[in-house]
């Protein structure tokens, strides 16, 4: 007589977590949550979800034949990604993190049986998605650094105005609706158009505006 004994909820949960692909996804989800929380302090939810996912992923990994070199490579990838957010390296840290993550993912589970290893069809999309996400962040950071200032004194560079007094060294100019102290290395007569080429404190450095022919 065969007696069927159903699994308890705890056993079903452990069976679910013992799937290498699930354990891997939990680690990656936790990584994203923690990185997002560090990049946006105070968001709370990503940090909570990320921490729980990491803990569940690590618990699942203890049920599997883990290669600790692979796990350390994934942890190194997380560190490199976080470092990229804090200290922009123009993509160098991101590339290192992606390589580390790919190698770590391939090495994470040490088993001769294919069903006990992480599926390559999961590793490749996750790695490519992570690469695209962080390269987007790097590109956004570069654009922010290269963008012309639109507020503050720096935004005055390139602005045009009118000389109010003669400038042969120091004088007054009218720029952006205000009268400014200005200096010039060339003689500029009152009423001539000028262009701001620099800002030093509250004094503008100007030159004659070149008229297009």
N, C-alpha and C. Protein backbone atom coordinates (compact mmCIF):
# COMPACT_ATOMS: atom_id res chain seq x y z
N UNK A 1 0.86 -1.18 0.00
CA UNK A 1 0.00 0.00 0.00
C UNK A 1 0.90 1.24 0.00
N UNK A 2 0.62 2.14 -0.93
CA UNK A 2 1.39 3.38 -1.03
C UNK A 2 0.64 4.48 -0.32
N UNK A 3 1.29 5.06 0.64
CA UNK A 3 0.70 6.19 1.36
C UNK A 3 1.34 7.49 0.86
N UNK A 4 0.53 8.39 0.34
CA UNK A 4 1.02 9.67 -0.14
C UNK A 4 1.01 10.68 1.02
N UNK A 5 2.18 11.15 1.37
CA UNK A 5 2.31 12.13 2.44
C UNK A 5 2.68 13.47 1.82
N UNK A 6 1.76 14.40 1.78
CA UNK A 6 2.05 15.70 1.16
C UNK A 6 3.11 16.48 1.94
N UNK A 7 3.83 17.30 1.23
CA UNK A 7 4.84 18.14 1.87
C UNK A 7 4.17 19.24 2.69
N UNK A 8 4.83 19.60 3.74
CA UNK A 8 4.35 20.73 4.54
C UNK A 8 4.72 22.03 3.83
N UNK A 9 4.16 23.12 4.33
CA UNK A 9 4.47 24.42 3.73
C UNK A 9 5.96 24.71 3.81
N UNK A 10 6.58 24.37 4.94
CA UNK A 10 8.01 24.61 5.11
C UNK A 10 8.81 23.82 4.09
N UNK A 11 8.42 22.57 3.86
CA UNK A 11 9.14 21.74 2.88
C UNK A 11 8.95 22.27 1.46
N UNK A 12 7.73 22.73 1.15
CA UNK A 12 7.50 23.29 -0.19
C UNK A 12 8.32 24.56 -0.39
N UNK A 13 8.42 25.39 0.68
CA UNK A 13 9.19 26.62 0.59
C UNK A 13 10.67 26.31 0.38
N UNK A 14 11.19 25.32 1.12
CA UNK A 14 12.59 24.94 0.97
C UNK A 14 12.86 24.37 -0.42
N UNK A 15 11.91 23.61 -0.94
CA UNK A 15 12.06 23.06 -2.28
C UNK A 15 12.11 24.19 -3.31
N UNK A 16 11.26 25.19 -3.12
CA UNK A 16 11.23 26.33 -4.03
C UNK A 16 12.55 27.10 -3.98
N UNK A 17 13.04 27.35 -2.75
CA UNK A 17 14.27 28.10 -2.59
C UNK A 17 15.50 27.33 -3.05
N UNK A 18 15.42 26.00 -3.01
CA UNK A 18 16.58 25.20 -3.39
C UNK A 18 16.81 25.15 -4.89
N UNK A 19 15.90 25.74 -5.66
CA UNK A 19 16.12 25.84 -7.11
C UNK A 19 17.25 26.84 -7.34
N UNK A 20 18.33 26.43 -8.01
CA UNK A 20 19.47 27.35 -8.22
C UNK A 20 19.07 28.65 -8.90
N UNK A 21 18.13 28.58 -9.84
CA UNK A 21 17.71 29.78 -10.55
C UNK A 21 16.99 30.76 -9.62
N UNK A 22 16.17 30.20 -8.70
CA UNK A 22 15.46 31.06 -7.74
C UNK A 22 16.45 31.71 -6.79
N UNK A 23 17.41 30.92 -6.30
CA UNK A 23 18.42 31.47 -5.39
C UNK A 23 19.21 32.59 -6.07
N UNK A 24 19.53 32.39 -7.33
CA UNK A 24 20.29 33.39 -8.09
C UNK A 24 19.47 34.66 -8.28
N UNK A 25 18.19 34.50 -8.64
CA UNK A 25 17.32 35.66 -8.82
C UNK A 25 17.16 36.44 -7.52
N UNK A 26 17.07 35.74 -6.40
CA UNK A 26 16.95 36.43 -5.12
C UNK A 26 18.19 37.27 -4.82
N UNK A 27 19.36 36.72 -5.13
CA UNK A 27 20.59 37.47 -4.92
C UNK A 27 20.63 38.72 -5.79
N UNK A 28 20.26 38.57 -7.06
CA UNK A 28 20.29 39.71 -7.98
C UNK A 28 19.26 40.76 -7.57
N UNK A 29 18.06 40.30 -7.21
CA UNK A 29 17.02 41.23 -6.76
C UNK A 29 17.49 41.98 -5.51
N UNK A 30 18.12 41.26 -4.60
CA UNK A 30 18.66 41.91 -3.41
C UNK A 30 19.73 42.93 -3.75
N UNK A 31 20.56 42.58 -4.74
CA UNK A 31 21.61 43.50 -5.17
C UNK A 31 21.01 44.80 -5.69
N UNK A 32 19.99 44.67 -6.55
CA UNK A 32 19.35 45.87 -7.09
C UNK A 32 18.72 46.72 -5.99
N UNK A 33 18.06 46.06 -5.04
CA UNK A 33 17.41 46.79 -3.96
C UNK A 33 18.41 47.56 -3.11
N UNK A 34 19.51 46.93 -2.77
CA UNK A 34 20.52 47.59 -1.92
C UNK A 34 21.18 48.74 -2.67
N UNK A 35 21.52 48.52 -3.94
CA UNK A 35 22.15 49.57 -4.73
C UNK A 35 21.21 50.76 -4.89
N UNK A 36 19.92 50.49 -5.13
CA UNK A 36 18.95 51.59 -5.29
C UNK A 36 18.81 52.36 -3.97
N UNK A 37 18.83 51.64 -2.85
CA UNK A 37 18.71 52.31 -1.55
C UNK A 37 19.92 53.19 -1.27
N UNK A 38 21.11 52.72 -1.65
CA UNK A 38 22.33 53.51 -1.44
C UNK A 38 22.32 54.74 -2.34
N UNK A 39 21.84 54.55 -3.58
CA UNK A 39 21.80 55.68 -4.52
C UNK A 39 20.73 56.70 -4.14
N UNK A 40 19.66 56.23 -3.46
CA UNK A 40 18.56 57.12 -3.06
C UNK A 40 18.25 56.91 -1.58
N UNK A 41 19.09 57.40 -0.69
CA UNK A 41 18.88 57.18 0.75
C UNK A 41 17.51 57.68 1.20
N UNK A 42 16.86 56.86 2.02
CA UNK A 42 15.55 57.25 2.53
C UNK A 42 14.40 56.64 1.79
N UNK A 43 14.67 55.94 0.67
CA UNK A 43 13.59 55.29 -0.07
C UNK A 43 12.98 54.15 0.75
N UNK A 44 13.77 53.51 1.59
CA UNK A 44 13.37 52.48 2.57
C UNK A 44 12.91 51.18 1.90
N UNK A 45 11.84 51.21 1.11
CA UNK A 45 11.29 49.98 0.54
C UNK A 45 12.31 49.19 -0.26
N UNK A 46 13.09 49.80 -1.18
CA UNK A 46 14.09 49.01 -1.91
C UNK A 46 15.11 48.36 -0.98
N UNK A 47 15.51 49.08 0.08
CA UNK A 47 16.47 48.52 1.01
C UNK A 47 15.91 47.34 1.77
N UNK A 48 14.63 47.45 2.20
CA UNK A 48 13.99 46.35 2.93
C UNK A 48 13.84 45.13 2.03
N UNK A 49 13.29 45.34 0.83
CA UNK A 49 13.10 44.23 -0.10
C UNK A 49 14.45 43.61 -0.48
N UNK A 50 15.44 44.48 -0.73
CA UNK A 50 16.76 43.98 -1.09
C UNK A 50 17.40 43.16 0.01
N UNK A 51 17.30 43.63 1.25
CA UNK A 51 17.90 42.90 2.37
C UNK A 51 17.23 41.53 2.56
N UNK A 52 15.90 41.49 2.49
CA UNK A 52 15.19 40.22 2.64
C UNK A 52 15.56 39.27 1.52
N UNK A 53 15.65 39.79 0.30
CA UNK A 53 15.99 38.94 -0.85
C UNK A 53 17.40 38.36 -0.72
N UNK A 54 18.33 39.19 -0.27
CA UNK A 54 19.71 38.71 -0.09
C UNK A 54 19.76 37.61 0.97
N UNK A 55 19.07 37.83 2.08
CA UNK A 55 19.08 36.83 3.15
C UNK A 55 18.44 35.51 2.69
N UNK A 56 17.33 35.61 1.96
CA UNK A 56 16.70 34.39 1.42
C UNK A 56 17.61 33.72 0.41
N UNK A 57 18.29 34.52 -0.42
CA UNK A 57 19.21 33.95 -1.40
C UNK A 57 20.37 33.23 -0.74
N UNK A 58 20.93 33.84 0.31
CA UNK A 58 22.05 33.20 1.02
C UNK A 58 21.58 31.94 1.74
N UNK A 59 20.35 31.97 2.28
CA UNK A 59 19.81 30.77 2.92
C UNK A 59 19.63 29.65 1.90
N UNK A 60 19.15 30.02 0.70
CA UNK A 60 18.96 29.01 -0.34
C UNK A 60 20.30 28.43 -0.79
N UNK A 61 21.32 29.26 -0.82
CA UNK A 61 22.62 28.79 -1.30
C UNK A 61 23.23 27.75 -0.37
N UNK A 62 22.88 27.82 0.92
CA UNK A 62 23.44 26.81 1.83
C UNK A 62 22.84 25.42 1.59
N UNK A 63 21.73 25.38 0.85
CA UNK A 63 21.14 24.08 0.48
C UNK A 63 21.74 23.54 -0.80
N UNK A 64 22.60 24.34 -1.45
CA UNK A 64 23.16 23.98 -2.75
C UNK A 64 24.67 23.87 -2.66
N UNK A 65 25.27 23.13 -3.61
CA UNK A 65 26.74 23.03 -3.63
C UNK A 65 27.37 24.30 -4.20
N UNK A 66 27.63 25.25 -3.32
CA UNK A 66 28.07 26.59 -3.75
C UNK A 66 29.59 26.62 -3.92
N UNK A 67 30.01 27.27 -5.00
CA UNK A 67 31.42 27.58 -5.20
C UNK A 67 31.64 28.98 -4.63
N UNK A 68 32.39 29.07 -3.55
CA UNK A 68 32.52 30.35 -2.86
C UNK A 68 33.29 31.39 -3.68
N UNK A 69 34.12 30.93 -4.60
CA UNK A 69 34.80 31.88 -5.48
C UNK A 69 33.77 32.61 -6.34
N UNK A 70 32.77 31.89 -6.82
CA UNK A 70 31.70 32.51 -7.60
C UNK A 70 30.90 33.49 -6.77
N UNK A 71 30.61 33.11 -5.51
CA UNK A 71 29.86 34.00 -4.63
C UNK A 71 30.65 35.27 -4.34
N UNK A 72 31.96 35.14 -4.13
CA UNK A 72 32.79 36.31 -3.87
C UNK A 72 32.86 37.22 -5.10
N UNK A 73 32.87 36.62 -6.29
CA UNK A 73 32.88 37.43 -7.51
C UNK A 73 31.58 38.25 -7.64
N UNK A 74 30.46 37.65 -7.28
CA UNK A 74 29.19 38.38 -7.32
C UNK A 74 29.19 39.51 -6.29
N UNK A 75 29.71 39.24 -5.10
CA UNK A 75 29.81 40.28 -4.07
C UNK A 75 30.75 41.41 -4.54
N UNK A 76 31.84 41.03 -5.23
CA UNK A 76 32.75 42.04 -5.78
C UNK A 76 32.02 42.89 -6.82
N UNK A 77 31.17 42.26 -7.63
CA UNK A 77 30.40 43.01 -8.64
C UNK A 77 29.50 44.03 -7.96
N UNK A 78 28.86 43.63 -6.86
CA UNK A 78 27.99 44.56 -6.12
C UNK A 78 28.80 45.76 -5.61
N UNK A 79 29.99 45.48 -5.06
CA UNK A 79 30.85 46.56 -4.55
C UNK A 79 31.26 47.51 -5.67
N UNK A 80 31.61 46.95 -6.83
CA UNK A 80 32.02 47.78 -7.96
C UNK A 80 30.87 48.63 -8.47
N UNK A 81 29.66 48.05 -8.50
CA UNK A 81 28.49 48.83 -8.95
C UNK A 81 28.20 49.98 -7.99
N UNK A 82 28.29 49.71 -6.68
CA UNK A 82 28.06 50.77 -5.69
C UNK A 82 29.13 51.85 -5.81
N UNK A 83 30.38 51.41 -6.03
CA UNK A 83 31.48 52.37 -6.18
C UNK A 83 31.26 53.25 -7.40
N UNK A 84 30.67 52.70 -8.47
CA UNK A 84 30.40 53.48 -9.68
C UNK A 84 29.41 54.61 -9.39
N UNK A 85 28.45 54.32 -8.51
CA UNK A 85 27.46 55.35 -8.16
C UNK A 85 28.11 56.46 -7.34
N UNK A 86 29.00 56.08 -6.41
CA UNK A 86 29.60 57.06 -5.51
C UNK A 86 30.78 57.78 -6.15
N UNK A 87 31.58 57.05 -6.94
CA UNK A 87 32.78 57.64 -7.56
C UNK A 87 32.74 57.32 -9.04
N UNK A 88 32.08 58.13 -9.88
CA UNK A 88 31.97 57.83 -11.31
C UNK A 88 33.33 57.63 -11.96
N UNK A 89 33.51 56.50 -12.63
CA UNK A 89 34.78 56.17 -13.29
C UNK A 89 34.61 56.12 -14.80
N UNK A 90 33.52 56.72 -15.30
CA UNK A 90 33.24 56.76 -16.73
C UNK A 90 33.12 55.36 -17.33
N UNK A 91 32.59 54.41 -16.52
CA UNK A 91 32.28 53.08 -17.03
C UNK A 91 33.28 52.01 -16.66
N UNK A 92 34.46 52.37 -16.16
CA UNK A 92 35.49 51.37 -15.86
C UNK A 92 35.04 50.42 -14.76
N UNK A 93 34.48 50.97 -13.67
CA UNK A 93 34.01 50.13 -12.58
C UNK A 93 32.81 49.29 -13.01
N UNK A 94 31.96 49.85 -13.86
CA UNK A 94 30.80 49.10 -14.35
C UNK A 94 31.23 47.91 -15.19
N UNK A 95 32.21 48.10 -16.07
CA UNK A 95 32.71 47.00 -16.90
C UNK A 95 33.31 45.91 -16.02
N UNK A 96 34.10 46.32 -15.02
CA UNK A 96 34.66 45.34 -14.10
C UNK A 96 33.58 44.59 -13.34
N UNK A 97 32.53 45.32 -12.93
CA UNK A 97 31.43 44.67 -12.21
C UNK A 97 30.68 43.67 -13.09
N UNK A 98 30.48 44.01 -14.35
CA UNK A 98 29.76 43.11 -15.26
C UNK A 98 30.56 41.83 -15.50
N UNK A 99 31.87 41.98 -15.73
CA UNK A 99 32.72 40.80 -15.93
C UNK A 99 32.72 39.93 -14.68
N UNK A 100 32.85 40.58 -13.52
CA UNK A 100 32.86 39.84 -12.26
C UNK A 100 31.53 39.12 -12.04
N UNK A 101 30.43 39.80 -12.37
CA UNK A 101 29.10 39.20 -12.18
C UNK A 101 28.89 38.02 -13.12
N UNK A 102 29.32 38.15 -14.38
CA UNK A 102 29.16 37.06 -15.34
C UNK A 102 29.95 35.83 -14.92
N UNK A 103 31.23 36.02 -14.56
CA UNK A 103 32.06 34.90 -14.14
C UNK A 103 31.54 34.28 -12.85
N UNK A 104 31.12 35.13 -11.90
CA UNK A 104 30.59 34.63 -10.65
C UNK A 104 29.32 33.82 -10.85
N UNK A 105 28.45 34.29 -11.75
CA UNK A 105 27.20 33.57 -12.02
C UNK A 105 27.47 32.19 -12.62
N UNK A 106 28.46 32.12 -13.52
CA UNK A 106 28.79 30.84 -14.15
C UNK A 106 29.42 29.87 -13.16
N UNK A 107 30.13 30.42 -12.18
CA UNK A 107 30.87 29.57 -11.23
C UNK A 107 30.10 29.30 -9.95
N UNK A 108 28.97 29.97 -9.74
CA UNK A 108 28.32 29.99 -8.43
C UNK A 108 27.95 28.60 -7.92
N UNK A 109 27.34 27.77 -8.75
CA UNK A 109 26.91 26.43 -8.33
C UNK A 109 27.88 25.40 -8.88
N UNK A 110 28.44 24.60 -7.99
CA UNK A 110 29.43 23.59 -8.37
C UNK A 110 28.74 22.22 -8.36
N UNK A 111 28.33 21.78 -9.54
CA UNK A 111 27.65 20.50 -9.64
C UNK A 111 27.83 19.94 -11.06
N UNK A 112 28.00 18.60 -11.17
CA UNK A 112 28.13 18.00 -12.51
C UNK A 112 26.78 17.84 -13.20
N UNK A 113 25.68 18.05 -12.47
CA UNK A 113 24.35 17.85 -13.04
C UNK A 113 23.80 19.17 -13.57
N UNK A 114 23.36 19.18 -14.82
CA UNK A 114 22.87 20.44 -15.42
C UNK A 114 21.70 21.04 -14.65
N UNK A 115 20.80 20.20 -14.12
CA UNK A 115 19.62 20.74 -13.43
C UNK A 115 19.98 21.37 -12.09
N UNK A 116 21.21 21.15 -11.63
CA UNK A 116 21.64 21.76 -10.37
C UNK A 116 22.43 23.06 -10.60
N UNK A 117 22.62 23.41 -11.88
CA UNK A 117 23.36 24.63 -12.18
C UNK A 117 22.40 25.73 -12.63
N UNK A 118 22.86 26.97 -12.55
CA UNK A 118 22.05 28.11 -12.98
C UNK A 118 21.96 28.09 -14.50
N UNK A 119 20.76 28.29 -15.00
CA UNK A 119 20.53 28.24 -16.44
C UNK A 119 21.25 29.40 -17.14
N UNK A 120 21.93 29.06 -18.24
CA UNK A 120 22.62 30.10 -19.01
C UNK A 120 21.62 31.07 -19.63
N UNK A 121 20.42 30.59 -19.93
CA UNK A 121 19.38 31.47 -20.49
C UNK A 121 18.88 32.47 -19.46
N UNK A 122 19.21 32.28 -18.18
CA UNK A 122 18.88 33.25 -17.14
C UNK A 122 20.06 34.18 -16.89
N UNK A 123 21.27 33.62 -16.89
CA UNK A 123 22.47 34.41 -16.60
C UNK A 123 22.68 35.51 -17.64
N UNK A 124 22.54 35.14 -18.92
CA UNK A 124 22.83 36.11 -19.99
C UNK A 124 21.88 37.30 -19.96
N UNK A 125 20.54 37.10 -19.90
CA UNK A 125 19.66 38.28 -19.84
C UNK A 125 19.87 39.13 -18.60
N UNK A 126 20.11 38.49 -17.45
CA UNK A 126 20.33 39.25 -16.22
C UNK A 126 21.59 40.10 -16.33
N UNK A 127 22.67 39.51 -16.85
CA UNK A 127 23.93 40.24 -17.00
C UNK A 127 23.79 41.38 -18.00
N UNK A 128 23.14 41.11 -19.14
CA UNK A 128 22.95 42.15 -20.14
C UNK A 128 22.04 43.27 -19.61
N UNK A 129 20.99 42.89 -18.88
CA UNK A 129 20.10 43.90 -18.29
C UNK A 129 20.83 44.77 -17.29
N UNK A 130 21.68 44.14 -16.47
CA UNK A 130 22.46 44.90 -15.49
C UNK A 130 23.44 45.84 -16.20
N UNK A 131 24.07 45.33 -17.26
CA UNK A 131 25.01 46.15 -18.03
C UNK A 131 24.29 47.37 -18.62
N UNK A 132 23.12 47.12 -19.23
CA UNK A 132 22.37 48.23 -19.83
C UNK A 132 21.96 49.25 -18.78
N UNK A 133 21.53 48.78 -17.61
CA UNK A 133 21.08 49.68 -16.54
C UNK A 133 22.21 50.58 -16.06
N UNK A 134 23.38 49.99 -15.80
CA UNK A 134 24.47 50.80 -15.25
C UNK A 134 25.14 51.66 -16.31
N UNK A 135 25.16 51.20 -17.57
CA UNK A 135 25.68 52.08 -18.62
C UNK A 135 24.75 53.27 -18.84
N UNK A 136 23.45 53.05 -18.62
CA UNK A 136 22.50 54.16 -18.68
C UNK A 136 22.82 55.17 -17.57
N UNK A 137 23.11 54.67 -16.36
CA UNK A 137 23.47 55.56 -15.25
C UNK A 137 24.75 56.32 -15.55
N UNK A 138 25.75 55.62 -16.12
CA UNK A 138 27.01 56.27 -16.46
C UNK A 138 26.78 57.35 -17.51
N UNK A 139 25.97 57.02 -18.53
CA UNK A 139 25.68 58.01 -19.57
C UNK A 139 24.96 59.22 -19.01
N UNK A 140 24.01 58.98 -18.10
CA UNK A 140 23.27 60.10 -17.49
C UNK A 140 24.21 60.97 -16.66
N UNK A 141 25.15 60.33 -15.95
CA UNK A 141 26.11 61.10 -15.15
C UNK A 141 27.02 61.95 -16.03
N UNK A 142 27.45 61.38 -17.16
CA UNK A 142 28.31 62.12 -18.08
C UNK A 142 27.56 63.32 -18.68
N UNK A 143 26.31 63.10 -19.06
CA UNK A 143 25.52 64.19 -19.61
C UNK A 143 25.32 65.31 -18.60
N UNK A 144 25.12 64.91 -17.33
CA UNK A 144 24.94 65.92 -16.29
C UNK A 144 26.20 66.75 -16.09
N UNK A 145 27.37 66.09 -16.22
CA UNK A 145 28.63 66.81 -16.03
C UNK A 145 28.93 67.73 -17.21
N UNK A 146 28.53 67.29 -18.42
CA UNK A 146 28.83 68.07 -19.61
C UNK A 146 27.79 69.14 -19.91
N UNK A 147 26.64 69.07 -19.23
CA UNK A 147 25.57 70.02 -19.52
C UNK A 147 25.97 71.44 -19.11
N UNK A 148 25.63 72.37 -19.95
CA UNK A 148 25.93 73.78 -19.65
C UNK A 148 25.11 74.24 -18.45
N UNK A 149 25.74 74.87 -17.46
CA UNK A 149 24.99 75.34 -16.29
C UNK A 149 23.89 76.31 -16.70
N UNK A 150 22.72 76.16 -16.08
CA UNK A 150 21.62 77.06 -16.38
C UNK A 150 21.17 77.86 -15.17
N UNK A 151 21.92 77.80 -14.10
CA UNK A 151 21.63 78.61 -12.92
C UNK A 151 22.95 78.94 -12.23
N UNK A 152 22.94 79.98 -11.42
CA UNK A 152 24.15 80.40 -10.73
C UNK A 152 25.02 81.28 -11.60
N UNK A 153 26.15 81.73 -11.04
CA UNK A 153 27.04 82.62 -11.76
C UNK A 153 27.64 81.97 -13.00
N UNK A 154 27.88 80.65 -12.94
CA UNK A 154 28.48 79.97 -14.07
C UNK A 154 27.62 80.07 -15.33
N UNK A 155 26.31 80.22 -15.13
CA UNK A 155 25.41 80.30 -16.28
C UNK A 155 25.59 81.59 -17.05
N UNK A 156 26.29 82.57 -16.46
CA UNK A 156 26.50 83.85 -17.14
C UNK A 156 27.55 83.75 -18.24
N UNK A 157 28.41 82.74 -18.19
CA UNK A 157 29.44 82.60 -19.21
C UNK A 157 28.78 82.39 -20.57
N UNK A 158 29.13 83.23 -21.52
CA UNK A 158 28.52 83.19 -22.84
C UNK A 158 27.37 84.17 -23.00
N UNK A 159 26.91 84.75 -21.88
CA UNK A 159 25.82 85.72 -21.96
C UNK A 159 26.31 87.02 -22.62
N UNK A 160 25.39 87.74 -23.21
CA UNK A 160 25.74 88.98 -23.91
C UNK A 160 25.10 90.17 -23.21
N UNK A 161 25.71 91.32 -23.37
CA UNK A 161 25.19 92.51 -22.72
C UNK A 161 25.74 93.77 -23.36
N UNK A 162 25.64 94.88 -22.64
CA UNK A 162 26.05 96.19 -23.13
C UNK A 162 26.99 96.83 -22.11
N UNK A 163 28.05 97.45 -22.61
CA UNK A 163 28.97 98.18 -21.73
C UNK A 163 28.30 99.47 -21.29
N UNK A 164 28.24 99.75 -19.99
CA UNK A 164 27.65 100.98 -19.47
C UNK A 164 28.70 102.08 -19.31
N UNK A 165 29.93 101.68 -19.05
CA UNK A 165 31.02 102.64 -18.94
C UNK A 165 32.16 102.15 -19.82
N UNK A 166 33.14 103.01 -19.96
CA UNK A 166 34.31 102.56 -20.72
C UNK A 166 35.07 101.51 -19.91
N UNK A 167 35.42 100.44 -20.61
CA UNK A 167 36.18 99.38 -19.95
C UNK A 167 37.59 99.37 -20.52
N UNK A 168 38.50 99.77 -19.68
CA UNK A 168 39.91 99.62 -19.99
C UNK A 168 40.57 99.16 -18.71
N UNK A 169 40.27 97.93 -18.40
CA UNK A 169 40.60 97.37 -17.09
C UNK A 169 39.31 97.03 -16.38
N UNK A 170 38.72 98.02 -15.68
CA UNK A 170 37.48 97.80 -14.95
C UNK A 170 36.40 98.76 -15.41
N UNK A 171 35.14 98.35 -15.22
CA UNK A 171 34.02 99.20 -15.59
C UNK A 171 32.71 98.53 -15.23
N UNK A 172 31.62 99.03 -15.82
CA UNK A 172 30.29 98.50 -15.55
C UNK A 172 29.68 97.98 -16.85
N UNK A 173 28.94 96.86 -16.73
CA UNK A 173 28.23 96.30 -17.89
C UNK A 173 26.82 95.93 -17.46
N UNK A 174 25.94 95.86 -18.45
CA UNK A 174 24.55 95.49 -18.20
C UNK A 174 24.33 94.12 -18.82
N UNK A 175 24.10 93.12 -17.96
CA UNK A 175 23.94 91.73 -18.41
C UNK A 175 22.78 91.09 -17.67
N UNK A 176 21.91 90.41 -18.42
CA UNK A 176 20.79 89.67 -17.83
C UNK A 176 19.96 90.53 -16.89
N UNK A 177 19.72 91.80 -17.30
CA UNK A 177 18.85 92.68 -16.53
C UNK A 177 19.48 93.29 -15.31
N UNK A 178 20.82 93.15 -15.13
CA UNK A 178 21.49 93.69 -13.96
C UNK A 178 22.78 94.39 -14.38
N UNK A 179 23.21 95.33 -13.55
CA UNK A 179 24.49 95.99 -13.78
C UNK A 179 25.57 95.29 -12.96
N UNK A 180 26.65 94.92 -13.64
CA UNK A 180 27.73 94.16 -13.00
C UNK A 180 29.04 94.93 -13.11
N UNK A 181 29.92 94.70 -12.10
CA UNK A 181 31.32 95.09 -12.26
C UNK A 181 31.95 94.16 -13.28
N UNK A 182 32.83 94.70 -14.11
CA UNK A 182 33.43 93.87 -15.15
C UNK A 182 34.87 94.29 -15.39
N UNK A 183 35.63 93.37 -15.92
CA UNK A 183 37.01 93.65 -16.32
C UNK A 183 37.19 93.21 -17.76
N UNK A 184 38.12 93.87 -18.44
CA UNK A 184 38.39 93.52 -19.84
C UNK A 184 39.85 93.81 -20.14
N UNK A 185 40.44 93.00 -20.98
CA UNK A 185 41.83 93.22 -21.38
C UNK A 185 41.91 94.11 -22.62
N UNK A 186 40.76 94.47 -23.18
CA UNK A 186 40.73 95.33 -24.35
C UNK A 186 39.86 96.54 -24.07
N UNK A 187 40.05 97.58 -24.86
CA UNK A 187 39.27 98.81 -24.68
C UNK A 187 37.87 98.60 -25.24
N UNK A 188 36.87 98.85 -24.40
CA UNK A 188 35.47 98.74 -24.82
C UNK A 188 34.78 100.05 -24.47
N UNK A 189 34.15 100.67 -25.47
CA UNK A 189 33.49 101.94 -25.27
C UNK A 189 32.06 101.74 -24.76
N UNK A 190 31.50 102.73 -24.07
CA UNK A 190 30.11 102.63 -23.60
C UNK A 190 29.16 102.38 -24.77
N UNK A 191 28.19 101.49 -24.57
CA UNK A 191 27.21 101.17 -25.59
C UNK A 191 27.60 100.02 -26.49
N UNK A 192 28.88 99.58 -26.43
CA UNK A 192 29.30 98.45 -27.27
C UNK A 192 28.78 97.14 -26.66
N UNK A 193 28.49 96.20 -27.55
CA UNK A 193 28.03 94.88 -27.10
C UNK A 193 29.21 94.07 -26.59
N UNK A 194 28.95 93.39 -25.49
CA UNK A 194 30.02 92.58 -24.88
C UNK A 194 29.52 91.14 -24.69
N UNK A 195 30.48 90.25 -24.40
CA UNK A 195 30.17 88.85 -24.12
C UNK A 195 30.95 88.42 -22.89
N UNK A 196 30.28 87.71 -22.01
CA UNK A 196 30.92 87.26 -20.76
C UNK A 196 31.76 86.02 -21.07
N UNK A 197 33.03 86.05 -20.66
CA UNK A 197 33.92 84.90 -20.90
C UNK A 197 34.35 84.25 -19.59
N UNK A 198 33.99 84.84 -18.47
CA UNK A 198 34.36 84.24 -17.19
C UNK A 198 33.72 85.00 -16.03
N UNK A 199 33.72 84.37 -14.87
CA UNK A 199 33.15 84.96 -13.66
C UNK A 199 34.13 84.75 -12.52
N UNK A 200 34.48 85.84 -11.86
CA UNK A 200 35.36 85.76 -10.70
C UNK A 200 34.71 86.49 -9.55
N UNK A 201 34.12 85.71 -8.63
CA UNK A 201 33.35 86.31 -7.55
C UNK A 201 32.12 86.99 -8.12
N UNK A 202 32.01 88.31 -7.88
CA UNK A 202 30.89 89.10 -8.41
C UNK A 202 31.33 89.99 -9.56
N UNK A 203 32.50 89.70 -10.12
CA UNK A 203 33.02 90.48 -11.24
C UNK A 203 33.05 89.62 -12.50
N UNK A 204 32.54 90.17 -13.59
CA UNK A 204 32.50 89.45 -14.86
C UNK A 204 33.75 89.78 -15.67
N UNK A 205 34.25 88.81 -16.35
CA UNK A 205 35.34 89.01 -17.31
C UNK A 205 34.70 89.01 -18.69
N UNK A 206 34.89 90.11 -19.42
CA UNK A 206 34.16 90.28 -20.67
C UNK A 206 35.12 90.61 -21.81
N UNK A 207 34.56 90.50 -23.01
CA UNK A 207 35.28 90.90 -24.22
C UNK A 207 34.26 91.50 -25.18
N UNK A 208 34.75 92.17 -26.23
CA UNK A 208 33.85 92.68 -27.25
C UNK A 208 33.15 91.52 -27.93
N UNK A 209 31.86 91.74 -28.18
CA UNK A 209 31.13 90.71 -28.89
C UNK A 209 31.52 90.74 -30.35
N UNK A 210 31.87 89.54 -30.86
CA UNK A 210 32.23 89.46 -32.27
C UNK A 210 30.99 89.46 -33.12
N UNK A 211 30.88 90.49 -33.98
CA UNK A 211 29.70 90.60 -34.83
C UNK A 211 29.85 89.70 -36.05
N UNK A 212 28.81 88.92 -36.28
CA UNK A 212 28.84 88.03 -37.43
C UNK A 212 28.57 88.81 -38.70
N UNK A 213 29.37 88.51 -39.73
CA UNK A 213 29.20 89.20 -41.02
C UNK A 213 28.35 88.35 -41.94
